[in-house]
């Protein structure tokens, strides 16, 4: 061979086979998943139900924050910037599972 050239494995063939094999499950998921999102009709506008669950989770986390501060256990919770967003997320997902179970 020539001095400046290297033999390379046929990566283009491997990439093409991977993208072809991965294309069908991704396409099937993209066609099936959007059908299971419940919507609410509020004043003529459709809102996804996850927005309502997120709002209820944040409100419940705020109420629990006030309760924790009132009882006096808030100083023992740890990093509050991490605790309250995680609590809001946990409550949002709990509301989702409680009402929709999708």
N, C-alpha and C. Protein backbone atom coordinates (compact mmCIF):
# COMPACT_ATOMS: atom_id res chain seq x y z
N UNK A 1 0.83 -1.19 0.00
CA UNK A 1 0.00 0.00 0.00
C UNK A 1 0.87 1.24 0.00
N UNK A 2 0.18 2.37 -0.08
CA UNK A 2 0.91 3.63 -0.06
C UNK A 2 1.26 4.00 1.37
N UNK A 3 2.21 4.89 1.55
CA UNK A 3 2.73 5.20 2.89
C UNK A 3 1.72 5.95 3.75
N UNK A 4 0.92 6.83 3.20
CA UNK A 4 0.03 7.67 4.01
C UNK A 4 -1.39 7.13 4.16
N UNK A 5 -1.67 5.96 3.64
CA UNK A 5 -3.04 5.46 3.70
C UNK A 5 -3.17 4.37 4.75
N UNK A 6 -4.36 4.28 5.33
CA UNK A 6 -4.67 3.21 6.29
C UNK A 6 -5.91 2.47 5.80
N UNK A 7 -5.98 1.25 6.16
CA UNK A 7 -7.18 0.49 5.86
C UNK A 7 -8.20 0.75 6.95
N UNK A 8 -9.42 1.09 6.58
CA UNK A 8 -10.47 1.36 7.54
C UNK A 8 -11.56 0.30 7.44
N UNK A 9 -12.14 -0.07 8.56
CA UNK A 9 -13.25 -1.03 8.48
C UNK A 9 -14.47 -0.37 7.87
N UNK A 10 -15.32 -1.13 7.28
CA UNK A 10 -16.50 -0.56 6.61
C UNK A 10 -17.55 -0.10 7.62
N UNK A 11 -17.31 1.05 8.26
CA UNK A 11 -18.24 1.54 9.28
C UNK A 11 -19.53 2.05 8.66
N UNK A 12 -19.49 2.50 7.44
CA UNK A 12 -20.71 3.00 6.81
C UNK A 12 -21.74 1.88 6.67
N UNK A 13 -21.28 0.68 6.40
CA UNK A 13 -22.19 -0.45 6.28
C UNK A 13 -22.80 -0.78 7.64
N UNK A 14 -21.97 -0.76 8.69
CA UNK A 14 -22.48 -1.05 10.03
C UNK A 14 -23.46 0.02 10.49
N UNK A 15 -23.17 1.27 10.23
CA UNK A 15 -24.08 2.35 10.62
C UNK A 15 -25.41 2.22 9.90
N UNK A 16 -25.38 1.92 8.64
CA UNK A 16 -26.60 1.81 7.86
C UNK A 16 -27.46 0.66 8.38
N UNK A 17 -26.84 -0.45 8.74
CA UNK A 17 -27.59 -1.59 9.27
C UNK A 17 -28.21 -1.25 10.62
N UNK A 18 -27.49 -0.50 11.46
CA UNK A 18 -28.03 -0.11 12.76
C UNK A 18 -29.21 0.84 12.60
N UNK A 19 -29.08 1.83 11.75
CA UNK A 19 -30.17 2.79 11.59
C UNK A 19 -31.38 2.13 10.94
N UNK A 20 -31.17 1.17 10.07
CA UNK A 20 -32.30 0.47 9.47
C UNK A 20 -33.01 -0.39 10.50
N UNK A 21 -32.24 -1.06 11.35
CA UNK A 21 -32.85 -1.91 12.37
C UNK A 21 -33.54 -1.09 13.45
N UNK A 22 -33.02 0.08 13.77
CA UNK A 22 -33.61 0.91 14.83
C UNK A 22 -34.74 1.78 14.31
N UNK A 23 -34.88 1.90 13.04
CA UNK A 23 -35.89 2.80 12.49
C UNK A 23 -37.31 2.33 12.77
N UNK A 24 -37.59 1.04 12.65
CA UNK A 24 -38.96 0.54 12.78
C UNK A 24 -39.51 0.63 14.20
N UNK A 25 -38.76 0.26 15.25
CA UNK A 25 -39.32 0.44 16.60
C UNK A 25 -39.55 1.91 16.96
N UNK A 26 -38.66 2.78 16.51
CA UNK A 26 -38.83 4.20 16.80
C UNK A 26 -40.05 4.74 16.07
N UNK A 27 -40.23 4.36 14.83
CA UNK A 27 -41.39 4.80 14.06
C UNK A 27 -42.69 4.27 14.67
N UNK A 28 -42.68 3.02 15.10
CA UNK A 28 -43.88 2.44 15.73
C UNK A 28 -44.21 3.15 17.03
N UNK A 29 -43.21 3.47 17.83
CA UNK A 29 -43.45 4.18 19.09
C UNK A 29 -43.96 5.60 18.82
N UNK A 30 -43.44 6.24 17.80
CA UNK A 30 -43.89 7.60 17.47
C UNK A 30 -45.34 7.61 17.00
N UNK A 31 -45.80 6.54 16.39
CA UNK A 31 -47.18 6.49 15.92
C UNK A 31 -48.15 6.05 17.01
N UNK A 32 -47.70 5.28 17.99
CA UNK A 32 -48.59 4.72 19.00
C UNK A 32 -48.68 5.61 20.24
N UNK A 33 -47.58 6.15 20.71
CA UNK A 33 -47.53 6.88 21.99
C UNK A 33 -48.43 8.11 22.03
N UNK A 34 -48.51 8.96 21.01
CA UNK A 34 -49.34 10.16 21.14
C UNK A 34 -50.83 9.89 21.32
N UNK A 35 -51.28 8.71 21.04
CA UNK A 35 -52.71 8.42 21.16
C UNK A 35 -53.16 8.23 22.59
N UNK A 36 -52.24 8.05 23.53
CA UNK A 36 -52.61 7.74 24.90
C UNK A 36 -52.52 8.94 25.83
N UNK A 37 -52.40 10.13 25.33
CA UNK A 37 -52.31 11.31 26.18
C UNK A 37 -53.70 11.90 26.37
N UNK A 38 -54.29 11.77 27.57
CA UNK A 38 -55.61 12.33 27.78
C UNK A 38 -55.57 13.85 27.75
N UNK A 39 -56.62 14.43 27.18
CA UNK A 39 -56.70 15.88 27.06
C UNK A 39 -57.93 16.39 27.79
N UNK A 40 -57.82 17.62 28.27
CA UNK A 40 -58.95 18.29 28.90
C UNK A 40 -59.37 19.47 28.04
N UNK A 41 -60.65 19.66 27.91
CA UNK A 41 -61.17 20.81 27.18
C UNK A 41 -61.50 21.90 28.19
N UNK A 42 -60.68 22.94 28.23
CA UNK A 42 -60.88 24.05 29.17
C UNK A 42 -61.06 25.32 28.34
N UNK A 43 -62.25 25.87 28.37
CA UNK A 43 -62.58 27.09 27.63
C UNK A 43 -62.26 26.97 26.14
N UNK A 44 -62.48 25.80 25.58
CA UNK A 44 -62.28 25.60 24.16
C UNK A 44 -60.87 25.24 23.76
N UNK A 45 -59.93 25.23 24.70
CA UNK A 45 -58.55 24.87 24.40
C UNK A 45 -58.26 23.51 25.03
N UNK A 46 -57.53 22.70 24.31
CA UNK A 46 -57.20 21.37 24.81
C UNK A 46 -55.86 21.41 25.53
N UNK A 47 -55.84 20.95 26.77
CA UNK A 47 -54.62 20.89 27.57
C UNK A 47 -54.31 19.44 27.88
N UNK A 48 -53.04 19.06 27.76
CA UNK A 48 -52.69 17.69 28.15
C UNK A 48 -52.84 17.51 29.65
N UNK A 49 -53.18 16.33 30.05
CA UNK A 49 -53.45 16.08 31.47
C UNK A 49 -52.19 16.17 32.31
N UNK A 50 -51.02 15.99 31.72
CA UNK A 50 -49.80 16.09 32.52
C UNK A 50 -49.60 17.49 33.05
N UNK A 51 -50.12 18.51 32.34
CA UNK A 51 -50.02 19.88 32.85
C UNK A 51 -50.83 20.04 34.13
N UNK A 52 -52.02 19.45 34.15
CA UNK A 52 -52.85 19.50 35.35
C UNK A 52 -52.18 18.74 36.49
N UNK A 53 -51.61 17.58 36.20
CA UNK A 53 -50.92 16.81 37.24
C UNK A 53 -49.70 17.55 37.78
N UNK A 54 -48.96 18.21 36.90
CA UNK A 54 -47.81 18.98 37.34
C UNK A 54 -48.24 20.15 38.23
N UNK A 55 -49.29 20.83 37.84
CA UNK A 55 -49.79 21.94 38.64
C UNK A 55 -50.25 21.46 40.02
N UNK A 56 -50.97 20.35 40.07
CA UNK A 56 -51.41 19.81 41.36
C UNK A 56 -50.23 19.34 42.20
N UNK A 57 -49.21 18.78 41.58
CA UNK A 57 -48.02 18.34 42.31
C UNK A 57 -47.25 19.50 42.91
N UNK A 58 -47.13 20.59 42.15
CA UNK A 58 -46.43 21.78 42.66
C UNK A 58 -47.22 22.42 43.80
N UNK A 59 -48.53 22.50 43.66
CA UNK A 59 -49.35 23.06 44.73
C UNK A 59 -49.26 22.20 46.00
N UNK A 60 -49.28 20.89 45.84
CA UNK A 60 -49.16 20.00 46.99
C UNK A 60 -47.79 20.11 47.64
N UNK A 61 -46.73 20.31 46.84
CA UNK A 61 -45.39 20.49 47.40
C UNK A 61 -45.30 21.80 48.17
N UNK A 62 -45.96 22.84 47.69
CA UNK A 62 -45.97 24.11 48.41
C UNK A 62 -46.70 23.97 49.74
N UNK A 63 -47.82 23.26 49.73
CA UNK A 63 -48.57 23.04 50.97
C UNK A 63 -47.74 22.22 51.95
N UNK A 64 -47.04 21.19 51.45
CA UNK A 64 -46.18 20.39 52.32
C UNK A 64 -45.00 21.20 52.84
N UNK A 65 -44.48 22.10 52.06
CA UNK A 65 -43.39 22.97 52.52
C UNK A 65 -43.86 23.84 53.67
N UNK A 66 -45.06 24.39 53.55
CA UNK A 66 -45.60 25.20 54.65
C UNK A 66 -45.84 24.34 55.88
N UNK A 67 -46.30 23.12 55.68
CA UNK A 67 -46.51 22.21 56.80
C UNK A 67 -45.19 21.82 57.46
N UNK A 68 -44.16 21.54 56.66
CA UNK A 68 -42.85 21.18 57.21
C UNK A 68 -42.25 22.35 57.99
N UNK A 69 -42.42 23.56 57.48
CA UNK A 69 -41.90 24.73 58.19
C UNK A 69 -42.66 24.97 59.48
N UNK A 70 -43.95 24.75 59.46
CA UNK A 70 -44.78 24.95 60.66
C UNK A 70 -44.45 23.93 61.75
N UNK A 71 -44.25 22.67 61.35
CA UNK A 71 -43.94 21.62 62.31
C UNK A 71 -42.50 21.74 62.81
N UNK A 72 -41.60 22.24 61.97
CA UNK A 72 -40.22 22.44 62.37
C UNK A 72 -39.26 21.37 61.89
N UNK A 73 -39.65 20.59 60.91
CA UNK A 73 -38.74 19.55 60.40
C UNK A 73 -38.01 19.98 59.13
N UNK A 74 -38.27 21.17 58.64
CA UNK A 74 -37.63 21.62 57.41
C UNK A 74 -36.11 21.71 57.52
N UNK A 75 -35.53 22.13 58.65
CA UNK A 75 -34.05 22.16 58.74
C UNK A 75 -33.40 20.79 58.65
N UNK A 76 -34.13 19.73 58.87
CA UNK A 76 -33.58 18.38 58.86
C UNK A 76 -33.76 17.66 57.52
N UNK A 77 -34.34 18.30 56.56
CA UNK A 77 -34.65 17.64 55.29
C UNK A 77 -33.45 17.46 54.37
N UNK A 78 -32.44 18.25 54.48
CA UNK A 78 -31.31 18.16 53.57
C UNK A 78 -31.29 19.35 52.64
N UNK A 79 -30.70 19.23 51.47
CA UNK A 79 -30.65 20.36 50.54
C UNK A 79 -32.06 20.66 50.00
N UNK A 80 -32.61 21.78 50.42
CA UNK A 80 -34.00 22.10 50.08
C UNK A 80 -34.20 22.33 48.59
N UNK A 81 -33.15 22.80 47.91
CA UNK A 81 -33.25 23.00 46.46
C UNK A 81 -33.39 21.68 45.71
N UNK A 82 -33.05 20.60 46.35
CA UNK A 82 -33.20 19.28 45.76
C UNK A 82 -34.45 18.58 46.27
N UNK A 83 -34.79 18.78 47.53
CA UNK A 83 -35.89 18.07 48.16
C UNK A 83 -37.24 18.50 47.58
N UNK A 84 -37.48 19.79 47.48
CA UNK A 84 -38.81 20.24 47.06
C UNK A 84 -39.12 19.99 45.58
N UNK A 85 -38.18 20.17 44.64
CA UNK A 85 -38.49 19.76 43.26
C UNK A 85 -38.75 18.26 43.13
N UNK A 86 -37.99 17.44 43.88
CA UNK A 86 -38.22 15.99 43.84
C UNK A 86 -39.57 15.65 44.46
N UNK A 87 -39.94 16.36 45.51
CA UNK A 87 -41.25 16.14 46.12
C UNK A 87 -42.37 16.53 45.16
N UNK A 88 -42.20 17.65 44.46
CA UNK A 88 -43.20 18.06 43.47
C UNK A 88 -43.31 17.04 42.34
N UNK A 89 -42.19 16.51 41.90
CA UNK A 89 -42.21 15.49 40.84
C UNK A 89 -42.88 14.21 41.32
N UNK A 90 -42.56 13.80 42.54
CA UNK A 90 -43.18 12.60 43.11
C UNK A 90 -44.69 12.77 43.23
N UNK A 91 -45.12 13.91 43.70
CA UNK A 91 -46.55 14.14 43.84
C UNK A 91 -47.25 14.25 42.49
N UNK A 92 -46.59 14.85 41.51
CA UNK A 92 -47.17 14.95 40.17
C UNK A 92 -47.36 13.57 39.55
N UNK A 93 -46.36 12.72 39.69
CA UNK A 93 -46.49 11.37 39.14
C UNK A 93 -47.52 10.55 39.91
N UNK A 94 -47.63 10.80 41.20
CA UNK A 94 -48.64 10.10 41.99
C UNK A 94 -50.05 10.50 41.57
N UNK A 95 -50.25 11.79 41.30
CA UNK A 95 -51.56 12.25 40.82
C UNK A 95 -51.86 11.63 39.46
N UNK A 96 -50.84 11.56 38.59
CA UNK A 96 -51.02 10.95 37.27
C UNK A 96 -51.46 9.49 37.41
N UNK A 97 -50.76 8.74 38.27
CA UNK A 97 -51.11 7.34 38.45
C UNK A 97 -52.47 7.16 39.11
N UNK A 98 -52.80 8.04 40.01
CA UNK A 98 -54.06 7.94 40.73
C UNK A 98 -55.25 8.16 39.80
N UNK A 99 -55.16 9.15 38.92
CA UNK A 99 -56.31 9.51 38.09
C UNK A 99 -56.31 8.90 36.69
N UNK A 100 -55.13 8.65 36.11
CA UNK A 100 -55.12 8.26 34.70
C UNK A 100 -54.62 6.84 34.46
N UNK A 101 -53.63 6.38 35.16
CA UNK A 101 -53.09 5.02 35.03
C UNK A 101 -52.87 4.61 33.59
N UNK A 102 -52.25 5.45 32.85
CA UNK A 102 -51.99 5.16 31.43
C UNK A 102 -50.74 4.35 31.29
